[in-house]
PDB file of N, CA and C in Angstrom:
ATOM      1  N   MET A   1     -19.214  15.339   2.596  1.00  0.00           N
ATOM      2  CA  MET A   1     -19.247  15.034   4.119  1.00  0.00           C
ATOM      3  C   MET A   1     -18.343  13.601   4.509  1.00  0.00           C
ATOM      4  N   GLY A   2     -18.286  12.706   3.329  1.00  0.00           N
ATOM      5  CA  GLY A   2     -17.515  11.285   3.587  1.00  0.00           C
ATOM      6  C   GLY A   2     -16.120  11.996   4.101  1.00  0.00           C
ATOM      7  N   TRP A   3     -15.392  13.041   3.521  1.00  0.00           N
ATOM      8  CA  TRP A   3     -13.959  12.930   4.163  1.00  0.00           C
ATOM      9  C   TRP A   3     -13.995  13.476   5.501  1.00  0.00           C
ATOM     10  N   ILE A   4     -15.099  14.115   5.743  1.00  0.00           N
ATOM     11  CA  ILE A   4     -15.020  14.670   7.357  1.00  0.00           C
ATOM     12  C   ILE A   4     -15.298  13.264   8.241  1.00  0.00           C
ATOM     13  N   ILE A   5     -16.109  12.560   8.015  1.00  0.00           N
ATOM     14  CA  ILE A   5     -16.468  11.183   8.646  1.00  0.00           C
ATOM     15  C   ILE A   5     -15.344  10.350   8.402  1.00  0.00           C
ATOM     16  N   ALA A   6     -14.321  10.147   7.440  1.00  0.00           N
ATOM     17  CA  ALA A   6     -13.386   9.638   7.196  1.00  0.00           C
ATOM     18  C   ALA A   6     -12.250  10.024   8.276  1.00  0.00           C
ATOM     19  N   ILE A   7     -11.910  11.297   8.180  1.00  0.00           N
ATOM     20  CA  ILE A   7     -11.205  11.997   9.279  1.00  0.00           C
ATOM     21  C   ILE A   7     -11.694  11.510  10.888  1.00  0.00           C
ATOM     22  N   ILE A   8     -12.668  11.672  11.102  1.00  0.00           N
ATOM     23  CA  ILE A   8     -12.963  11.556  12.208  1.00  0.00           C
ATOM     24  C   ILE A   8     -13.034   9.839  12.591  1.00  0.00           C
ATOM     25  N   VAL A   9     -13.575   9.180  11.911  1.00  0.00           N
ATOM     26  CA  VAL A   9     -13.307   7.622  12.051  1.00  0.00           C
ATOM     27  C   VAL A   9     -11.741   7.426  12.133  1.00  0.00           C
ATOM     28  N   GLY A  10     -10.947   7.736  11.221  1.00  0.00           N
ATOM     29  CA  GLY A  10      -9.645   7.606  11.240  1.00  0.00           C
ATOM     30  C   GLY A  10      -8.826   7.694  12.670  1.00  0.00           C
ATOM     31  N   GLY A  11      -9.042   9.115  12.947  1.00  0.00           N
ATOM     32  CA  GLY A  11      -8.819   9.436  14.149  1.00  0.00           C
ATOM     33  C   GLY A  11      -9.281   8.564  15.512  1.00  0.00           C
ATOM     34  N   VAL A  12     -10.155   8.239  15.489  1.00  0.00           N
ATOM     35  CA  VAL A  12     -10.860   7.384  16.615  1.00  0.00           C
ATOM     36  C   VAL A  12      -9.838   6.213  16.406  1.00  0.00           C
ATOM     37  N   ALA A  13     -10.058   5.413  15.058  1.00  0.00           N
ATOM     38  CA  ALA A  13      -9.090   4.241  15.176  1.00  0.00           C
ATOM     39  C   ALA A  13      -7.816   4.334  15.263  1.00  0.00           C
ATOM     40  N   GLY A  14      -7.187   5.181  15.110  1.00  0.00           N
ATOM     41  CA  GLY A  14      -5.804   5.464  15.096  1.00  0.00           C
ATOM     42  C   GLY A  14      -5.434   5.599  16.522  1.00  0.00           C
ATOM     43  N   TRP A  15      -6.241   6.444  17.306  1.00  0.00           N
ATOM     44  CA  TRP A  15      -6.238   6.451  18.540  1.00  0.00           C
ATOM     45  C   TRP A  15      -6.284   5.577  19.331  1.00  0.00           C
ATOM     46  N   LEU A  16      -7.538   4.738  19.391  1.00  0.00           N
ATOM     47  CA  LEU A  16      -7.432   3.178  19.657  1.00  0.00           C
ATOM     48  C   LEU A  16      -6.725   2.288  19.662  1.00  0.00           C
ATOM     49  N   ALA A  17      -6.009   2.316  18.510  1.00  0.00           N
ATOM     50  CA  ALA A  17      -4.732   1.303  17.973  1.00  0.00           C
ATOM     51  C   ALA A  17      -3.416   1.759  18.488  1.00  0.00           C
ATOM     52  N   SER A  18      -3.665   3.244  18.901  1.00  0.00           N
ATOM     53  CA  SER A  18      -2.151   3.581  19.502  1.00  0.00           C
ATOM     54  C   SER A  18      -2.337   3.072  21.144  1.00  0.00           C
ATOM     55  N   LEU A  19      -3.314   3.323  21.821  1.00  0.00           N
ATOM     56  CA  LEU A  19      -3.304   2.882  23.336  1.00  0.00           C
ATOM     57  C   LEU A  19      -3.495   1.427  23.111  1.00  0.00           C
ATOM     58  N   VAL A  20      -4.040   0.805  22.324  1.00  0.00           N
ATOM     59  CA  VAL A  20      -3.799  -0.898  22.427  1.00  0.00           C
ATOM     60  C   VAL A  20      -2.282  -1.326  22.404  1.00  0.00           C
ATOM     61  N   MET A  21      -1.593  -0.353  21.350  1.00  0.00           N
ATOM     62  CA  MET A  21       0.008  -0.885  20.998  1.00  0.00           C
ATOM     63  C   MET A  21       0.984   0.127  21.891  1.00  0.00           C
ATOM     64  N   ASN A  22       0.400   0.859  23.000  1.00  0.00           N
ATOM     65  CA  ASN A  22       1.377   1.614  24.089  1.00  0.00           C
ATOM     66  C   ASN A  22       1.851   2.552  23.069  1.00  0.00           C
ATOM     67  N   ARG A  23       1.473   3.075  22.168  1.00  0.00           N
ATOM     68  CA  ARG A  23       2.507   4.398  21.319  1.00  0.00           C
ATOM     69  C   ARG A  23       1.617   5.718  21.386  1.00  0.00           C
ATOM     70  N   ASP A  24       0.726   5.819  22.407  1.00  0.00           N
ATOM     71  CA  ASP A  24      -0.077   6.811  22.577  1.00  0.00           C
ATOM     72  C   ASP A  24       0.892   8.219  22.718  1.00  0.00           C
ATOM     73  N   ALA A  25       1.661   7.897  23.802  1.00  0.00           N
ATOM     74  CA  ALA A  25       2.702   9.055  24.257  1.00  0.00           C
ATOM     75  C   ALA A  25       3.216   9.527  22.851  1.00  0.00           C
ATOM     76  N   SER A  26       3.920   8.787  22.084  1.00  0.00           N
ATOM     77  CA  SER A  26       4.747   8.960  20.684  1.00  0.00           C
ATOM     78  C   SER A  26       4.078   9.644  19.558  1.00  0.00           C
ATOM     79  N   MET A  27       2.463   9.798  19.752  1.00  0.00           N
ATOM     80  CA  MET A  27       1.936   9.795  18.624  1.00  0.00           C
ATOM     81  C   MET A  27       0.981  11.096  19.076  1.00  0.00           C
ATOM     82  N   GLY A  28       0.736  12.030  17.766  1.00  0.00           N
ATOM     83  CA  GLY A  28      -0.079  13.421  18.189  1.00  0.00           C
ATOM     84  C   GLY A  28      -1.141  13.377  17.145  1.00  0.00           C
ATOM     85  N   ILE A  29      -2.233  14.029  17.333  1.00  0.00           N
ATOM     86  CA  ILE A  29      -3.577  13.575  16.645  1.00  0.00           C
ATOM     87  C   ILE A  29      -3.237  13.591  15.164  1.00  0.00           C
ATOM     88  N   PHE A  30      -2.568  14.263  14.170  1.00  0.00           N
ATOM     89  CA  PHE A  30      -2.163  14.073  12.901  1.00  0.00           C
ATOM     90  C   PHE A  30      -1.902  12.516  12.822  1.00  0.00           C
ATOM     91  N   TRP A  31      -0.711  12.212  13.548  1.00  0.00           N
ATOM     92  CA  TRP A  31      -0.212  10.677  13.172  1.00  0.00           C
ATOM     93  C   TRP A  31      -1.374   9.667  13.492  1.00  0.00           C
ATOM     94  N   ASN A  32      -2.327   9.868  14.191  1.00  0.00           N
ATOM     95  CA  ASN A  32      -3.199   9.265  14.874  1.00  0.00           C
ATOM     96  C   ASN A  32      -4.186   9.010  13.879  1.00  0.00           C
ATOM     97  N   ILE A  33      -4.849  10.025  13.061  1.00  0.00           N
ATOM     98  CA  ILE A  33      -5.832  10.156  11.841  1.00  0.00           C
ATOM     99  C   ILE A  33      -5.012   9.537  10.704  1.00  0.00           C
ATOM    100  N   VAL A  34      -3.692   9.663  10.431  1.00  0.00           N
ATOM    101  CA  VAL A  34      -3.269   8.899   9.653  1.00  0.00           C
ATOM    102  C   VAL A  34      -2.879   7.517   9.550  1.00  0.00           C
ATOM    103  N   VAL A  35      -2.586   7.287  10.750  1.00  0.00           N
ATOM    104  CA  VAL A  35      -2.812   5.690  11.049  1.00  0.00           C
ATOM    105  C   VAL A  35      -3.950   4.926  10.811  1.00  0.00           C
ATOM    106  N   GLY A  36      -4.911   5.618  11.546  1.00  0.00           N
ATOM    107  CA  GLY A  36      -6.306   5.174  11.447  1.00  0.00           C
ATOM    108  C   GLY A  36      -6.584   4.751   9.816  1.00  0.00           C
ATOM    109  N   ILE A  37      -6.598   5.894   9.184  1.00  0.00           N
ATOM    110  CA  ILE A  37      -6.899   6.057   7.616  1.00  0.00           C
ATOM    111  C   ILE A  37      -5.854   4.816   6.759  1.00  0.00           C
ATOM    112  N   ILE A  38      -4.650   4.766   7.320  1.00  0.00           N
ATOM    113  CA  ILE A  38      -4.256   3.937   6.591  1.00  0.00           C
ATOM    114  C   ILE A  38      -4.253   2.502   6.941  1.00  0.00           C
ATOM    115  N   GLY A  39      -4.395   2.327   8.371  1.00  0.00           N
ATOM    116  CA  GLY A  39      -4.960   1.020   8.626  1.00  0.00           C
ATOM    117  C   GLY A  39      -6.271   0.582   8.492  1.00  0.00           C
ATOM    118  N   SER A  40      -7.449   1.694   8.080  1.00  0.00           N
ATOM    119  CA  SER A  40      -8.492   1.417   7.676  1.00  0.00           C
ATOM    120  C   SER A  40      -8.450   0.716   6.251  1.00  0.00           C
ATOM    121  N   ILE A  41      -7.578   1.435   5.569  1.00  0.00           N
ATOM    122  CA  ILE A  41      -7.382   0.907   3.972  1.00  0.00           C
ATOM    123  C   ILE A  41      -6.838  -0.529   4.318  1.00  0.00           C
ATOM    124  N   LEU A  42      -5.941  -0.767   5.041  1.00  0.00           N
ATOM    125  CA  LEU A  42      -4.988  -2.183   5.604  1.00  0.00           C
ATOM    126  C   LEU A  42      -6.223  -3.178   5.875  1.00  0.00           C
ATOM    127  N   GLY A  43      -6.930  -2.715   6.913  1.00  0.00           N
ATOM    128  CA  GLY A  43      -8.258  -3.555   7.575  1.00  0.00           C
ATOM    129  C   GLY A  43      -8.950  -4.041   6.370  1.00  0.00           C
ATOM    130  N   ASN A  44      -9.711  -3.220   5.512  1.00  0.00           N
ATOM    131  CA  ASN A  44     -10.193  -3.519   4.440  1.00  0.00           C
ATOM    132  C   ASN A  44      -9.704  -4.374   3.423  1.00  0.00           C
ATOM    133  N   VAL A  45      -8.609  -4.307   3.097  1.00  0.00           N
ATOM    134  CA  VAL A  45      -8.077  -5.187   2.406  1.00  0.00           C
ATOM    135  C   VAL A  45      -7.905  -6.883   2.910  1.00  0.00           C
ATOM    136  N   ILE A  46      -7.436  -6.763   4.180  1.00  0.00           N
ATOM    137  CA  ILE A  46      -7.483  -7.907   4.836  1.00  0.00           C
ATOM    138  C   ILE A  46      -8.826  -8.806   5.007  1.00  0.00           C
ATOM    139  N   ALA A  47      -9.710  -8.086   5.378  1.00  0.00           N
ATOM    140  CA  ALA A  47     -11.042  -8.239   5.483  1.00  0.00           C
ATOM    141  C   ALA A  47     -11.867  -8.625   4.382  1.00  0.00           C
ATOM    142  N   ASN A  48     -11.610  -8.386   3.320  1.00  0.00           N
ATOM    143  CA  ASN A  48     -12.052  -8.265   1.933  1.00  0.00           C
ATOM    144  C   ASN A  48     -11.585 -10.072   1.515  1.00  0.00           C
ATOM    145  N   ALA A  49      -9.791  -9.844   1.578  1.00  0.00           N
ATOM    146  CA  ALA A  49      -9.472 -11.345   1.474  1.00  0.00           C
ATOM    147  C   ALA A  49      -9.561 -12.277   2.120  1.00  0.00           C
ATOM    148  N   ALA A  50      -9.917 -12.182   3.467  1.00  0.00           N
ATOM    149  CA  ALA A  50      -9.800 -13.425   4.306  1.00  0.00           C
ATOM    150  C   ALA A  50     -11.277 -13.719   4.565  1.00  0.00           C
ATOM    151  N   PHE A  51     -12.015 -12.894   4.839  1.00  0.00           N
ATOM    152  CA  PHE A  51     -13.359 -12.983   5.142  1.00  0.00           C
ATOM    153  C   PHE A  51     -14.722 -12.716   4.164  1.00  0.00           C
ATOM    154  N   GLY A  52     -14.379 -11.763   3.207  1.00  0.00           N
ATOM    155  CA  GLY A  52     -15.131 -11.189   2.299  1.00  0.00           C
ATOM    156  C   GLY A  52     -16.014 -10.218   2.854  1.00  0.00           C
ATOM    157  N   LEU A  53     -15.188  -9.556   3.830  1.00  0.00           N
ATOM    158  CA  LEU A  53     -16.182  -8.545   4.706  1.00  0.00           C
ATOM    159  C   LEU A  53     -15.517  -6.915   3.829  1.00  0.00           C
ATOM    160  N   GLY A  54     -16.206  -6.124   4.706  1.00  0.00           N
ATOM    161  CA  GLY A  54     -15.420  -4.905   4.158  1.00  0.00           C
ATOM    162  C   GLY A  54     -16.527  -3.859   4.729  1.00  0.00           C
ATOM    163  N   GLY A  55     -15.941  -2.776   5.337  1.00  0.00           N
ATOM    164  CA  GLY A  55     -16.613  -1.892   5.686  1.00  0.00           C
ATOM    165  C   GLY A  55     -15.974  -0.460   4.918  1.00  0.00           C
ATOM    166  N   SER A  56     -16.769   0.559   5.061  1.00  0.00           N
ATOM    167  CA  SER A  56     -16.461   1.684   4.215  1.00  0.00           C
ATOM    168  C   SER A  56     -16.189   2.852   5.089  1.00  0.00           C
ATOM    169  N   ILE A  57     -14.772   3.360   5.152  1.00  0.00           N
ATOM    170  CA  ILE A  57     -14.768   4.756   6.263  1.00  0.00           C
ATOM    171  C   ILE A  57     -15.291   6.071   5.937  1.00  0.00           C
ATOM    172  N   GLN A  58     -16.026   5.838   4.888  1.00  0.00           N
ATOM    173  CA  GLN A  58     -16.433   7.176   4.116  1.00  0.00           C
ATOM    174  C   GLN A  58     -17.910   7.203   4.541  1.00  0.00           C
ATOM    175  N   GLU A  59     -18.530   6.182   5.379  1.00  0.00           N
ATOM    176  CA  GLU A  59     -19.911   6.117   6.218  1.00  0.00           C
ATOM    177  C   GLU A  59     -19.911   5.271   7.228  1.00  0.00           C
ATOM    178  N   PHE A  60     -20.147   5.796   8.378  1.00  0.00           N
ATOM    179  CA  PHE A  60     -20.031   5.360   9.633  1.00  0.00           C
ATOM    180  C   PHE A  60     -20.864   4.049   9.855  1.00  0.00           C
ATOM    181  N   SER A  61     -20.079   2.795  10.156  1.00  0.00           N
ATOM    182  CA  SER A  61     -20.606   1.859  10.672  1.00  0.00           C
ATOM    183  C   SER A  61     -19.445   1.194  11.682  1.00  0.00           C
ATOM    184  N   LEU A  62     -20.366   0.185  12.547  1.00  0.00           N
ATOM    185  CA  LEU A  62     -19.373  -0.336  13.564  1.00  0.00           C
ATOM    186  C   LEU A  62     -18.499  -1.552  13.026  1.00  0.00           C
ATOM    187  N   THR A  63     -18.989  -2.224  12.106  1.00  0.00           N
ATOM    188  CA  THR A  63     -17.991  -3.112  11.218  1.00  0.00           C
ATOM    189  C   THR A  63     -16.699  -2.242  10.634  1.00  0.00           C
ATOM    190  N   GLY A  64     -17.412  -1.247  10.388  1.00  0.00           N
ATOM    191  CA  GLY A  64     -16.356  -0.176   9.505  1.00  0.00           C
ATOM    192  C   GLY A  64     -15.073  -0.018  10.570  1.00  0.00           C
ATOM    193  N   LEU A  65     -15.633   0.455  11.653  1.00  0.00           N
ATOM    194  CA  LEU A  65     -14.654   1.335  12.792  1.00  0.00           C
ATOM    195  C   LEU A  65     -13.947  -0.134  13.125  1.00  0.00           C
ATOM    196  N   ILE A  66     -14.438  -1.307  13.900  1.00  0.00           N
ATOM    197  CA  ILE A  66     -13.715  -2.172  14.054  1.00  0.00           C
ATOM    198  C   ILE A  66     -12.539  -2.791  13.007  1.00  0.00           C
ATOM    199  N   ILE A  67     -12.929  -2.871  11.844  1.00  0.00           N
ATOM    200  CA  ILE A  67     -11.800  -3.241  10.699  1.00  0.00           C
ATOM    201  C   ILE A  67     -10.907  -2.158  10.506  1.00  0.00           C
ATOM    202  N   ALA A  68     -11.331  -0.997  10.908  1.00  0.00           N
ATOM    203  CA  ALA A  68     -10.456   0.038  11.036  1.00  0.00           C
ATOM    204  C   ALA A  68      -9.056  -0.069  11.893  1.00  0.00           C
ATOM    205  N   ILE A  69      -9.803  -0.307  13.136  1.00  0.00           N
ATOM    206  CA  ILE A  69      -8.960  -0.239  14.303  1.00  0.00           C
ATOM    207  C   ILE A  69      -8.085  -1.487  14.080  1.00  0.00           C
ATOM    208  N   VAL A  70      -8.426  -2.845  13.800  1.00  0.00           N
ATOM    209  CA  VAL A  70      -7.740  -3.896  13.503  1.00  0.00           C
ATOM    210  C   VAL A  70      -6.820  -3.303  12.327  1.00  0.00           C
ATOM    211  N   GLY A  71      -7.014  -3.093  11.506  1.00  0.00           N
ATOM    212  CA  GLY A  71      -6.248  -2.377  10.576  1.00  0.00           C
ATOM    213  C   GLY A  71      -5.269  -1.512  10.834  1.00  0.00           C
ATOM    214  N   ALA A  72      -5.517  -0.458  11.805  1.00  0.00           N
ATOM    215  CA  ALA A  72      -4.538   0.329  12.651  1.00  0.00           C
ATOM    216  C   ALA A  72      -3.612  -0.439  13.481  1.00  0.00           C
ATOM    217  N   ILE A  73      -4.318  -1.317  14.232  1.00  0.00           N
ATOM    218  CA  ILE A  73      -3.276  -2.080  15.130  1.00  0.00           C
ATOM    219  C   ILE A  73      -1.809  -2.650  14.421  1.00  0.00           C
ATOM    220  N   VAL A  74      -2.689  -3.531  13.188  1.00  0.00           N
ATOM    221  CA  VAL A  74      -1.671  -4.538  12.022  1.00  0.00           C
ATOM    222  C   VAL A  74      -0.540  -3.426  11.658  1.00  0.00           C
ATOM    223  N   LEU A  75      -1.284  -1.949  11.329  1.00  0.00           N
ATOM    224  CA  LEU A  75       0.141  -1.256  10.768  1.00  0.00           C
ATOM    225  C   LEU A  75       0.879  -0.987  12.048  1.00  0.00           C
ATOM    226  N   LEU A  76       0.753  -0.669  13.079  1.00  0.00           N
ATOM    227  CA  LEU A  76       1.557  -0.284  14.378  1.00  0.00           C
ATOM    228  C   LEU A  76       1.980  -1.451  14.687  1.00  0.00           C
ATOM    229  N   GLY A  77       2.147  -2.394  14.307  1.00  0.00           N
ATOM    230  CA  GLY A  77       2.416  -3.784  14.784  1.00  0.00           C
ATOM    231  C   GLY A  77       3.882  -3.963  13.696  1.00  0.00           C
ATOM    232  N   ILE A  78       3.648  -3.784  12.527  1.00  0.00           N
ATOM    233  CA  ILE A  78       4.391  -3.525  11.136  1.00  0.00           C
ATOM    234  C   ILE A  78       5.603  -2.449  11.908  1.00  0.00           C
ATOM    235  N   VAL A  79       5.217  -1.238  12.000  1.00  0.00           N
ATOM    236  CA  VAL A  79       6.048  -0.231  12.394  1.00  0.00           C
ATOM    237  C   VAL A  79       6.897  -0.548  13.559  1.00  0.00           C
ATOM    238  N   ASN A  80       6.303  -1.312  14.684  1.00  0.00           N
ATOM    239  CA  ASN A  80       7.184  -1.695  15.705  1.00  0.00           C
ATOM    240  C   ASN A  80       7.995  -2.663  15.462  1.00  0.00           C
ATOM    241  N   LEU A  81       7.624  -3.650  14.506  1.00  0.00           N
ATOM    242  CA  LEU A  81       8.900  -4.503  13.931  1.00  0.00           C
ATOM    243  C   LEU A  81       9.890  -3.715  13.466  1.00  0.00           C
ATOM    244  N   VAL A  82       9.544  -2.819  12.208  1.00  0.00           N
ATOM    245  CA  VAL A  82      10.668  -1.986  11.845  1.00  0.00           C
ATOM    246  C   VAL A  82      11.633  -1.106  12.530  1.00  0.00           C
ATOM    247  N   GLN A  83      10.741  -0.737  13.342  1.00  0.00           N
ATOM    248  CA  GLN A  83      11.385   0.296  14.364  1.00  0.00           C
ATOM    249  C   GLN A  83      12.425  -0.349  15.578  1.00  0.00           C
ATOM    250  N   ARG A  84      11.789  -1.326  16.091  1.00  0.00           N
ATOM    251  CA  ARG A  84      12.547  -2.102  17.120  1.00  0.00           C
ATOM    252  C   ARG A  84      12.942  -3.384  17.020  1.00  0.00           C
ATOM    253  N   GLY A  85      12.516  -4.077  15.770  1.00  0.00           N
ATOM    254  CA  GLY A  85      12.505  -5.475  15.636  1.00  0.00           C
ATOM    255  C   GLY A  85      11.650  -6.180  16.492  1.00  0.00           C
ATOM    256  N   ARG A  86      11.057  -5.849  17.202  1.00  0.00           N
ATOM    257  CA  ARG A  86       9.974  -6.601  17.795  1.00  0.00           C
ATOM    258  C   ARG A  86       8.552  -6.294  17.946  1.00  0.00           C
ATOM    259  N   VAL A  87       7.520  -6.991  18.021  1.00  0.00           N
ATOM    260  CA  VAL A  87       6.140  -6.339  18.496  1.00  0.00           C
ATOM    261  C   VAL A  87       6.221  -6.144  19.761  1.00  0.00           C
ATOM    262  N   ARG A  88       5.395  -5.000  20.290  1.00  0.00           N
ATOM    263  CA  ARG A  88       5.331  -4.779  21.889  1.00  0.00           C
ATOM    264  C   ARG A  88       4.038  -5.638  22.460  1.00  0.00           C
TER     265      ARG A  88
END
């Protein structure tokens, strides 16, 4: 059951991050899920290192969703830097 929740939360986080970063038109549902899951991992690393916080993507919580969205936004910002040389 944890993997299903991870896919759903990852998809929502990736979709919201792609809307914030204006990349929604270039990404499909698969990439939204991938960005959301990788962003959640990245967000948890950042939250644990900086604030001592952390959320699990395998069980739903609002804190975990927010951390996943922030991590996905950071990930898309890094991708924008690599692809275009600037952050949108």
